[in-house]
Full PDB file with SEQRES, HELIX, SHEET, SSBOND, CRYST1, ORIGX, SCALE, CONECT and MASTER records, all heavy atoms in Angstrom:
SEQRES   1 A   38  TRP ALA ARG LEU ASP GLY ALA SER LEU VAL GLY ALA ASN          
SEQRES   2 A   38  LEU ASP GLY ALA SER LEU VAL GLY ALA ARG LEU ASP GLY          
SEQRES   3 A   38  ALA ASN LEU VAL GLY ALA ARG LEU VAL GLY ALA ARG              
CRYST1    1.000    1.000    1.000  90.00  90.00  90.00 P 1           1          
ORIGX1      1.000000  0.000000  0.000000        0.00000                         
ORIGX2      0.000000  1.000000  0.000000        0.00000                         
ORIGX3      0.000000  0.000000  1.000000        0.00000                         
SCALE1      1.000000  0.000000  0.000000        0.00000                         
SCALE2      0.000000  1.000000  0.000000        0.00000                         
SCALE3      0.000000  0.000000  1.000000        0.00000                         
ATOM      1  N   TRP A   1       9.864  -0.609   0.262  1.00  0.00           N  
ATOM      2  CA  TRP A   1       9.028   0.433  -0.335  1.00  0.00           C  
ATOM      3  C   TRP A   1       7.523   0.121  -0.268  1.00  0.00           C  
ATOM      4  O   TRP A   1       6.730   0.702  -1.001  1.00  0.00           O  
ATOM      5  CB  TRP A   1       9.429   0.719  -1.783  1.00  0.00           C  
ATOM      6  CG  TRP A   1      10.827   1.226  -1.877  1.00  0.00           C  
ATOM      7  CD1 TRP A   1      11.902   0.530  -2.342  1.00  0.00           C  
ATOM      8  CD2 TRP A   1      11.325   2.502  -1.476  1.00  0.00           C  
ATOM      9  NE1 TRP A   1      13.049   1.295  -2.245  1.00  0.00           N  
ATOM     10  CE2 TRP A   1      12.721   2.515  -1.717  1.00  0.00           C  
ATOM     11  CE3 TRP A   1      10.738   3.635  -0.917  1.00  0.00           C  
ATOM     12  CZ2 TRP A   1      13.520   3.608  -1.435  1.00  0.00           C  
ATOM     13  CZ3 TRP A   1      11.550   4.721  -0.637  1.00  0.00           C  
ATOM     14  CH2 TRP A   1      12.918   4.701  -0.903  1.00  0.00           C  
ATOM     15  N   ALA A   2       7.121  -0.774   0.616  1.00  0.00           N  
ATOM     16  CA  ALA A   2       5.700  -1.110   0.747  1.00  0.00           C  
ATOM     17  C   ALA A   2       4.908   0.085   1.272  1.00  0.00           C  
ATOM     18  O   ALA A   2       5.371   0.824   2.124  1.00  0.00           O  
ATOM     19  CB  ALA A   2       5.536  -2.302   1.688  1.00  0.00           C  
ATOM     20  N   ARG A   3       3.706   0.245   0.759  1.00  0.00           N  
ATOM     21  CA  ARG A   3       2.798   1.293   1.230  1.00  0.00           C  
ATOM     22  C   ARG A   3       1.827   0.663   2.221  1.00  0.00           C  
ATOM     23  O   ARG A   3       0.860   0.026   1.808  1.00  0.00           O  
ATOM     24  CB  ARG A   3       2.067   1.920   0.068  1.00  0.00           C  
ATOM     25  CG  ARG A   3       3.002   2.693  -0.857  1.00  0.00           C  
ATOM     26  CD  ARG A   3       2.232   3.586  -1.795  1.00  0.00           C  
ATOM     27  NE  ARG A   3       1.346   4.459  -1.046  1.00  0.00           N  
ATOM     28  CZ  ARG A   3       1.519   5.766  -0.904  1.00  0.00           C  
ATOM     29  NH1 ARG A   3       2.541   6.350  -1.465  1.00  0.00           N  
ATOM     30  NH2 ARG A   3       0.662   6.487  -0.214  1.00  0.00           N  
ATOM     31  N   LEU A   4       2.135   0.835   3.505  1.00  0.00           N  
ATOM     32  CA  LEU A   4       1.343   0.231   4.568  1.00  0.00           C  
ATOM     33  C   LEU A   4       0.769   1.286   5.501  1.00  0.00           C  
ATOM     34  O   LEU A   4       0.544   1.044   6.682  1.00  0.00           O  
ATOM     35  CB  LEU A   4       2.214  -0.775   5.347  1.00  0.00           C  
ATOM     36  CG  LEU A   4       2.817  -1.911   4.521  1.00  0.00           C  
ATOM     37  CD1 LEU A   4       3.808  -2.713   5.340  1.00  0.00           C  
ATOM     38  CD2 LEU A   4       1.723  -2.799   3.957  1.00  0.00           C  
ATOM     39  N   ASP A   5       0.485   2.469   4.956  1.00  0.00           N  
ATOM     40  CA  ASP A   5      -0.088   3.566   5.736  1.00  0.00           C  
ATOM     41  C   ASP A   5      -1.356   3.094   6.444  1.00  0.00           C  
ATOM     42  O   ASP A   5      -2.245   2.541   5.808  1.00  0.00           O  
ATOM     43  CB  ASP A   5      -0.463   4.745   4.836  1.00  0.00           C  
ATOM     44  CG  ASP A   5       0.652   5.188   3.925  1.00  0.00           C  
ATOM     45  OD1 ASP A   5       1.044   4.377   3.075  1.00  0.00           O  
ATOM     46  OD2 ASP A   5       1.129   6.312   4.064  1.00  0.00           O  
ATOM     47  N   GLY A   6      -1.417   3.306   7.760  1.00  0.00           N  
ATOM     48  CA  GLY A   6      -2.619   2.981   8.527  1.00  0.00           C  
ATOM     49  C   GLY A   6      -2.875   1.494   8.691  1.00  0.00           C  
ATOM     50  O   GLY A   6      -3.937   1.113   9.176  1.00  0.00           O  
ATOM     51  N   ALA A   7      -1.941   0.651   8.321  1.00  0.00           N  
ATOM     52  CA  ALA A   7      -2.144  -0.796   8.413  1.00  0.00           C  
ATOM     53  C   ALA A   7      -2.240  -1.250   9.863  1.00  0.00           C  
ATOM     54  O   ALA A   7      -1.611  -0.690  10.755  1.00  0.00           O  
ATOM     55  CB  ALA A   7      -1.005  -1.535   7.716  1.00  0.00           C  
ATOM     56  N   SER A   8      -3.032  -2.286  10.097  1.00  0.00           N  
ATOM     57  CA  SER A   8      -3.133  -2.902  11.413  1.00  0.00           C  
ATOM     58  C   SER A   8      -2.169  -4.083  11.448  1.00  0.00           C  
ATOM     59  O   SER A   8      -2.430  -5.124  10.851  1.00  0.00           O  
ATOM     60  CB  SER A   8      -4.560  -3.372  11.678  1.00  0.00           C  
ATOM     61  OG  SER A   8      -4.605  -4.017  12.940  1.00  0.00           O  
ATOM     62  N   LEU A   9      -1.026  -3.881  12.114  1.00  0.00           N  
ATOM     63  CA  LEU A   9       0.020  -4.893  12.188  1.00  0.00           C  
ATOM     64  C   LEU A   9       0.231  -5.324  13.637  1.00  0.00           C  
ATOM     65  O   LEU A   9       1.332  -5.685  14.043  1.00  0.00           O  
ATOM     66  CB  LEU A   9       1.317  -4.336  11.589  1.00  0.00           C  
ATOM     67  CG  LEU A   9       1.187  -3.738  10.179  1.00  0.00           C  
ATOM     68  CD1 LEU A   9       2.500  -3.122   9.730  1.00  0.00           C  
ATOM     69  CD2 LEU A   9       0.746  -4.795   9.181  1.00  0.00           C  
ATOM     70  N   VAL A  10      -0.833  -5.315  14.415  1.00  0.00           N  
ATOM     71  CA  VAL A  10      -0.789  -5.644  15.840  1.00  0.00           C  
ATOM     72  C   VAL A  10      -0.276  -7.073  16.023  1.00  0.00           C  
ATOM     73  O   VAL A  10      -0.797  -8.014  15.429  1.00  0.00           O  
ATOM     74  CB  VAL A  10      -2.186  -5.500  16.485  1.00  0.00           C  
ATOM     75  CG1 VAL A  10      -2.171  -5.959  17.932  1.00  0.00           C  
ATOM     76  CG2 VAL A  10      -2.673  -4.067  16.378  1.00  0.00           C  
ATOM     77  N   GLY A  11       0.790  -7.193  16.826  1.00  0.00           N  
ATOM     78  CA  GLY A  11       1.335  -8.502  17.146  1.00  0.00           C  
ATOM     79  C   GLY A  11       2.060  -9.205  16.015  1.00  0.00           C  
ATOM     80  O   GLY A  11       2.395 -10.372  16.134  1.00  0.00           O  
ATOM     81  N   ALA A  12       2.320  -8.502  14.930  1.00  0.00           N  
ATOM     82  CA  ALA A  12       2.992  -9.119  13.776  1.00  0.00           C  
ATOM     83  C   ALA A  12       4.405  -9.559  14.129  1.00  0.00           C  
ATOM     84  O   ALA A  12       5.084  -8.914  14.921  1.00  0.00           O  
ATOM     85  CB  ALA A  12       3.058  -8.121  12.622  1.00  0.00           C  
ATOM     86  N   ASN A  13       4.856 -10.654  13.544  1.00  0.00           N  
ATOM     87  CA  ASN A  13       6.250 -11.067  13.676  1.00  0.00           C  
ATOM     88  C   ASN A  13       6.950 -10.717  12.376  1.00  0.00           C  
ATOM     89  O   ASN A  13       6.812 -11.423  11.372  1.00  0.00           O  
ATOM     90  CB  ASN A  13       6.380 -12.564  13.963  1.00  0.00           C  
ATOM     91  CG  ASN A  13       7.833 -12.969  14.135  1.00  0.00           C  
ATOM     92  OD1 ASN A  13       8.754 -12.206  13.864  1.00  0.00           O  
ATOM     93  ND2 ASN A  13       8.053 -14.184  14.586  1.00  0.00           N  
ATOM     94  N   LEU A  14       7.683  -9.609  12.403  1.00  0.00           N  
ATOM     95  CA  LEU A  14       8.433  -9.141  11.239  1.00  0.00           C  
ATOM     96  C   LEU A  14       9.928  -9.130  11.551  1.00  0.00           C  
ATOM     97  O   LEU A  14      10.684  -8.325  11.008  1.00  0.00           O  
ATOM     98  CB  LEU A  14       7.939  -7.749  10.832  1.00  0.00           C  
ATOM     99  CG  LEU A  14       6.506  -7.705  10.303  1.00  0.00           C  
ATOM    100  CD1 LEU A  14       5.968  -6.288  10.296  1.00  0.00           C  
ATOM    101  CD2 LEU A  14       6.427  -8.306   8.912  1.00  0.00           C  
ATOM    102  N   ASP A  15      10.362 -10.052  12.421  1.00  0.00           N  
ATOM    103  CA  ASP A  15      11.780 -10.152  12.750  1.00  0.00           C  
ATOM    104  C   ASP A  15      12.590 -10.337  11.461  1.00  0.00           C  
ATOM    105  O   ASP A  15      12.241 -11.172  10.616  1.00  0.00           O  
ATOM    106  CB  ASP A  15      12.052 -11.349  13.667  1.00  0.00           C  
ATOM    107  CG  ASP A  15      11.541 -11.155  15.080  1.00  0.00           C  
ATOM    108  OD1 ASP A  15      11.172 -10.026  15.437  1.00  0.00           O  
ATOM    109  OD2 ASP A  15      11.526 -12.151  15.832  1.00  0.00           O  
ATOM    110  N   GLY A  16      13.638  -9.538  11.316  1.00  0.00           N  
ATOM    111  CA  GLY A  16      14.517  -9.661  10.163  1.00  0.00           C  
ATOM    112  C   GLY A  16      13.921  -9.207   8.842  1.00  0.00           C  
ATOM    113  O   GLY A  16      14.546  -9.347   7.792  1.00  0.00           O  
ATOM    114  N   ALA A  17      12.720  -8.656   8.867  1.00  0.00           N  
ATOM    115  CA  ALA A  17      12.081  -8.199   7.626  1.00  0.00           C  
ATOM    116  C   ALA A  17      12.783  -6.950   7.089  1.00  0.00           C  
ATOM    117  O   ALA A  17      13.392  -6.198   7.835  1.00  0.00           O  
ATOM    118  CB  ALA A  17      10.605  -7.894   7.873  1.00  0.00           C  
ATOM    119  N   SER A  18      12.683  -6.752   5.788  1.00  0.00           N  
ATOM    120  CA  SER A  18      13.217  -5.543   5.177  1.00  0.00           C  
ATOM    121  C   SER A  18      12.055  -4.630   4.814  1.00  0.00           C  
ATOM    122  O   SER A  18      11.248  -4.947   3.941  1.00  0.00           O  
ATOM    123  CB  SER A  18      14.027  -5.875   3.918  1.00  0.00           C  
ATOM    124  OG  SER A  18      14.574  -4.682   3.392  1.00  0.00           O  
ATOM    125  N   LEU A  19      11.975  -3.518   5.538  1.00  0.00           N  
ATOM    126  CA  LEU A  19      10.948  -2.497   5.313  1.00  0.00           C  
ATOM    127  C   LEU A  19      11.621  -1.195   4.903  1.00  0.00           C  
ATOM    128  O   LEU A  19      11.149  -0.108   5.224  1.00  0.00           O  
ATOM    129  CB  LEU A  19      10.119  -2.312   6.584  1.00  0.00           C  
ATOM    130  CG  LEU A  19       9.231  -3.511   6.936  1.00  0.00           C  
ATOM    131  CD1 LEU A  19       9.225  -3.789   8.414  1.00  0.00           C  
ATOM    132  CD2 LEU A  19       7.835  -3.272   6.421  1.00  0.00           C  
ATOM    133  N   VAL A  20      12.717  -1.303   4.187  1.00  0.00           N  
ATOM    134  CA  VAL A  20      13.476  -0.133   3.735  1.00  0.00           C  
ATOM    135  C   VAL A  20      12.559   0.778   2.914  1.00  0.00           C  
ATOM    136  O   VAL A  20      11.906   0.334   1.969  1.00  0.00           O  
ATOM    137  CB  VAL A  20      14.699  -0.555   2.898  1.00  0.00           C  
ATOM    138  CG1 VAL A  20      15.403   0.655   2.314  1.00  0.00           C  
ATOM    139  CG2 VAL A  20      15.662  -1.387   3.743  1.00  0.00           C  
ATOM    140  N   GLY A  21      12.477   2.042   3.322  1.00  0.00           N  
ATOM    141  CA  GLY A  21      11.672   3.022   2.596  1.00  0.00           C  
ATOM    142  C   GLY A  21      10.174   2.805   2.676  1.00  0.00           C  
ATOM    143  O   GLY A  21       9.412   3.471   1.976  1.00  0.00           O  
ATOM    144  N   ALA A  22       9.719   1.891   3.519  1.00  0.00           N  
ATOM    145  CA  ALA A  22       8.281   1.596   3.613  1.00  0.00           C  
ATOM    146  C   ALA A  22       7.514   2.773   4.202  1.00  0.00           C  
ATOM    147  O   ALA A  22       8.035   3.546   4.991  1.00  0.00           O  
ATOM    148  CB  ALA A  22       8.057   0.351   4.463  1.00  0.00           C  
ATOM    149  N   ARG A  23       6.252   2.898   3.794  1.00  0.00           N  
ATOM    150  CA  ARG A  23       5.353   3.923   4.329  1.00  0.00           C  
ATOM    151  C   ARG A  23       4.485   3.259   5.386  1.00  0.00           C  
ATOM    152  O   ARG A  23       3.644   2.429   5.061  1.00  0.00           O  
ATOM    153  CB  ARG A  23       4.464   4.479   3.213  1.00  0.00           C  
ATOM    154  CG  ARG A  23       5.178   5.190   2.090  1.00  0.00           C  
ATOM    155  CD  ARG A  23       5.560   6.613   2.437  1.00  0.00           C  
ATOM    156  NE  ARG A  23       4.515   7.374   3.057  1.00  0.00           N  
ATOM    157  CZ  ARG A  23       3.796   8.309   2.464  1.00  0.00           C  
ATOM    158  NH1 ARG A  23       4.005   8.621   1.213  1.00  0.00           N  
ATOM    159  NH2 ARG A  23       2.864   8.956   3.134  1.00  0.00           N  
ATOM    160  N   LEU A  24       4.715   3.605   6.634  1.00  0.00           N  
ATOM    161  CA  LEU A  24       3.981   3.050   7.763  1.00  0.00           C  
ATOM    162  C   LEU A  24       3.310   4.158   8.569  1.00  0.00           C  
ATOM    163  O   LEU A  24       3.061   4.017   9.762  1.00  0.00           O  
ATOM    164  CB  LEU A  24       4.933   2.239   8.651  1.00  0.00           C  
ATOM    165  CG  LEU A  24       5.484   0.964   8.009  1.00  0.00           C  
ATOM    166  CD1 LEU A  24       6.817   0.579   8.606  1.00  0.00           C  
ATOM    167  CD2 LEU A  24       4.474  -0.159   8.145  1.00  0.00           C  
ATOM    168  N   ASP A  25       2.992   5.270   7.924  1.00  0.00           N  
ATOM    169  CA  ASP A  25       2.343   6.400   8.587  1.00  0.00           C  
ATOM    170  C   ASP A  25       1.060   5.919   9.266  1.00  0.00           C  
ATOM    171  O   ASP A  25       0.208   5.323   8.621  1.00  0.00           O  
ATOM    172  CB  ASP A  25       1.929   7.482   7.586  1.00  0.00           C  
ATOM    173  CG  ASP A  25       3.034   7.896   6.649  1.00  0.00           C  
ATOM    174  OD1 ASP A  25       3.663   7.003   6.072  1.00  0.00           O  
ATOM    175  OD2 ASP A  25       3.250   9.102   6.490  1.00  0.00           O  
ATOM    176  N   GLY A  26       0.949   6.168  10.556  1.00  0.00           N  
ATOM    177  CA  GLY A  26      -0.270   5.829  11.278  1.00  0.00           C  
ATOM    178  C   GLY A  26      -0.516   4.334  11.429  1.00  0.00           C  
ATOM    179  O   GLY A  26      -1.591   3.939  11.854  1.00  0.00           O  
ATOM    180  N   ALA A  27       0.459   3.494  11.104  1.00  0.00           N  
ATOM    181  CA  ALA A  27       0.277   2.047  11.244  1.00  0.00           C  
ATOM    182  C   ALA A  27       0.216   1.666  12.716  1.00  0.00           C  
ATOM    183  O   ALA A  27       0.825   2.302  13.568  1.00  0.00           O  
ATOM    184  CB  ALA A  27       1.421   1.303  10.560  1.00  0.00           C  
ATOM    185  N   ASN A  28      -0.538   0.623  13.006  1.00  0.00           N  
ATOM    186  CA  ASN A  28      -0.656   0.130  14.373  1.00  0.00           C  
ATOM    187  C   ASN A  28       0.267  -1.082  14.516  1.00  0.00           C  
ATOM    188  O   ASN A  28      -0.043  -2.166  14.041  1.00  0.00           O  
ATOM    189  CB  ASN A  28      -2.097  -0.250  14.672  1.00  0.00           C  
ATOM    190  CG  ASN A  28      -2.309  -0.579  16.132  1.00  0.00           C  
ATOM    191  OD1 ASN A  28      -1.349  -0.768  16.887  1.00  0.00           O  
ATOM    192  ND2 ASN A  28      -3.553  -0.673  16.538  1.00  0.00           N  
ATOM    193  N   LEU A  29       1.415  -0.858  15.165  1.00  0.00           N  
ATOM    194  CA  LEU A  29       2.423  -1.900  15.374  1.00  0.00           C  
ATOM    195  C   LEU A  29       2.506  -2.301  16.842  1.00  0.00           C  
ATOM    196  O   LEU A  29       3.542  -2.766  17.314  1.00  0.00           O  
ATOM    197  CB  LEU A  29       3.785  -1.387  14.893  1.00  0.00           C  
ATOM    198  CG  LEU A  29       3.904  -1.224  13.377  1.00  0.00           C  
ATOM    199  CD1 LEU A  29       4.912  -0.157  13.023  1.00  0.00           C  
ATOM    200  CD2 LEU A  29       4.265  -2.535  12.746  1.00  0.00           C  
ATOM    201  N   VAL A  30       1.424  -2.152  17.580  1.00  0.00           N  
ATOM    202  CA  VAL A  30       1.398  -2.486  18.996  1.00  0.00           C  
ATOM    203  C   VAL A  30       1.754  -3.966  19.171  1.00  0.00           C  
ATOM    204  O   VAL A  30       1.155  -4.839  18.548  1.00  0.00           O  
ATOM    205  CB  VAL A  30       0.015  -2.180  19.626  1.00  0.00           C  
ATOM    206  CG1 VAL A  30      -0.084  -2.734  21.036  1.00  0.00           C  
ATOM    207  CG2 VAL A  30      -0.250  -0.678  19.612  1.00  0.00           C  
ATOM    208  N   GLY A  31       2.773  -4.208  19.995  1.00  0.00           N  
ATOM    209  CA  GLY A  31       3.182  -5.575  20.280  1.00  0.00           C  
ATOM    210  C   GLY A  31       3.865  -6.301  19.136  1.00  0.00           C  
ATOM    211  O   GLY A  31       4.109  -7.500  19.224  1.00  0.00           O  
ATOM    212  N   ALA A  32       4.189  -5.590  18.070  1.00  0.00           N  
ATOM    213  CA  ALA A  32       4.841  -6.234  16.917  1.00  0.00           C  
ATOM    214  C   ALA A  32       6.304  -6.533  17.220  1.00  0.00           C  
ATOM    215  O   ALA A  32       6.939  -5.855  18.031  1.00  0.00           O  
ATOM    216  CB  ALA A  32       4.739  -5.342  15.685  1.00  0.00           C  
ATOM    217  N   ARG A  33       6.829  -7.560  16.571  1.00  0.00           N  
ATOM    218  CA  ARG A  33       8.246  -7.917  16.685  1.00  0.00           C  
ATOM    219  C   ARG A  33       8.941  -7.494  15.395  1.00  0.00           C  
ATOM    220  O   ARG A  33       8.587  -7.970  14.317  1.00  0.00           O  
ATOM    221  CB  ARG A  33       8.421  -9.415  16.889  1.00  0.00           C  
ATOM    222  CG  ARG A  33       7.982  -9.893  18.262  1.00  0.00           C  
ATOM    223  CD  ARG A  33       8.271 -11.369  18.448  1.00  0.00           C  
ATOM    224  NE  ARG A  33       9.651 -11.700  18.119  1.00  0.00           N  
ATOM    225  CZ  ARG A  33      10.657 -11.742  18.991  1.00  0.00           C  
ATOM    226  NH1 ARG A  33      10.427 -11.478  20.255  1.00  0.00           N  
ATOM    227  NH2 ARG A  33      11.876 -12.050  18.604  1.00  0.00           N  
ATOM    228  N   LEU A  34       9.934  -6.617  15.554  1.00  0.00           N  
ATOM    229  CA  LEU A  34      10.738  -6.137  14.432  1.00  0.00           C  
ATOM    230  C   LEU A  34      12.221  -6.290  14.765  1.00  0.00           C  
ATOM    231  O   LEU A  34      13.052  -5.491  14.373  1.00  0.00           O  
ATOM    232  CB  LEU A  34      10.393  -4.679  14.145  1.00  0.00           C  
ATOM    233  CG  LEU A  34       8.967  -4.444  13.645  1.00  0.00           C  
ATOM    234  CD1 LEU A  34       8.431  -3.123  14.108  1.00  0.00           C  
ATOM    235  CD2 LEU A  34       8.921  -4.549  12.140  1.00  0.00           C  
ATOM    236  N   VAL A  35      12.550  -7.346  15.499  1.00  0.00           N  
ATOM    237  CA  VAL A  35      13.917  -7.600  15.923  1.00  0.00           C  
ATOM    238  C   VAL A  35      14.800  -7.813  14.694  1.00  0.00           C  
ATOM    239  O   VAL A  35      14.506  -8.660  13.846  1.00  0.00           O  
ATOM    240  CB  VAL A  35      13.992  -8.822  16.865  1.00  0.00           C  
ATOM    241  CG1 VAL A  35      15.432  -9.148  17.219  1.00  0.00           C  
ATOM    242  CG2 VAL A  35      13.161  -8.571  18.126  1.00  0.00           C  
ATOM    243  N   GLY A  36      15.847  -6.984  14.584  1.00  0.00           N  
ATOM    244  CA  GLY A  36      16.770  -7.107  13.457  1.00  0.00           C  
ATOM    245  C   GLY A  36      16.197  -6.676  12.117  1.00  0.00           C  
ATOM    246  O   GLY A  36      16.794  -6.904  11.072  1.00  0.00           O  
ATOM    247  N   ALA A  37      15.044  -6.016  12.132  1.00  0.00           N  
ATOM    248  CA  ALA A  37      14.421  -5.569  10.886  1.00  0.00           C  
ATOM    249  C   ALA A  37      15.157  -4.365  10.311  1.00  0.00           C  
ATOM    250  O   ALA A  37      15.785  -3.592  11.034  1.00  0.00           O  
ATOM    251  CB  ALA A  37      12.954  -5.215  11.123  1.00  0.00           C  
ATOM    252  N   ARG A  38      15.071  -4.206   8.998  1.00  0.00           N  
ATOM    253  CA  ARG A  38      15.645  -3.037   8.336  1.00  0.00           C  
ATOM    254  C   ARG A  38      14.515  -2.052   8.063  1.00  0.00           C  
ATOM    255  O   ARG A  38      13.611  -2.337   7.292  1.00  0.00           O  
ATOM    256  CB  ARG A  38      16.305  -3.456   7.024  1.00  0.00           C  
ATOM    257  CG  ARG A  38      17.474  -4.382   7.299  1.00  0.00           C  
ATOM    258  CD  ARG A  38      18.561  -4.329   6.283  1.00  0.00           C  
ATOM    259  NE  ARG A  38      18.905  -2.979   5.895  1.00  0.00           N  
ATOM    260  CZ  ARG A  38      19.354  -2.680   4.681  1.00  0.00           C  
ATOM    261  NH1 ARG A  38      19.503  -3.605   3.771  1.00  0.00           N  
ATOM    262  NH2 ARG A  38      19.662  -1.437   4.387  1.00  0.00           N  
TER     263      ARG A  38                                                      
MASTER        0    0    0    0    0    0    0    6  262    1    0    3          
END                                                                             
């Protein structure tokens, strides 16, 4: 349930992270790793 609207998450390693219900509207996830993330 994190509010990460418009966040710059370029190149982030969020493998296995839980982002259930998160707000990522307009977030920049270019090159991010979300392998196995929820």
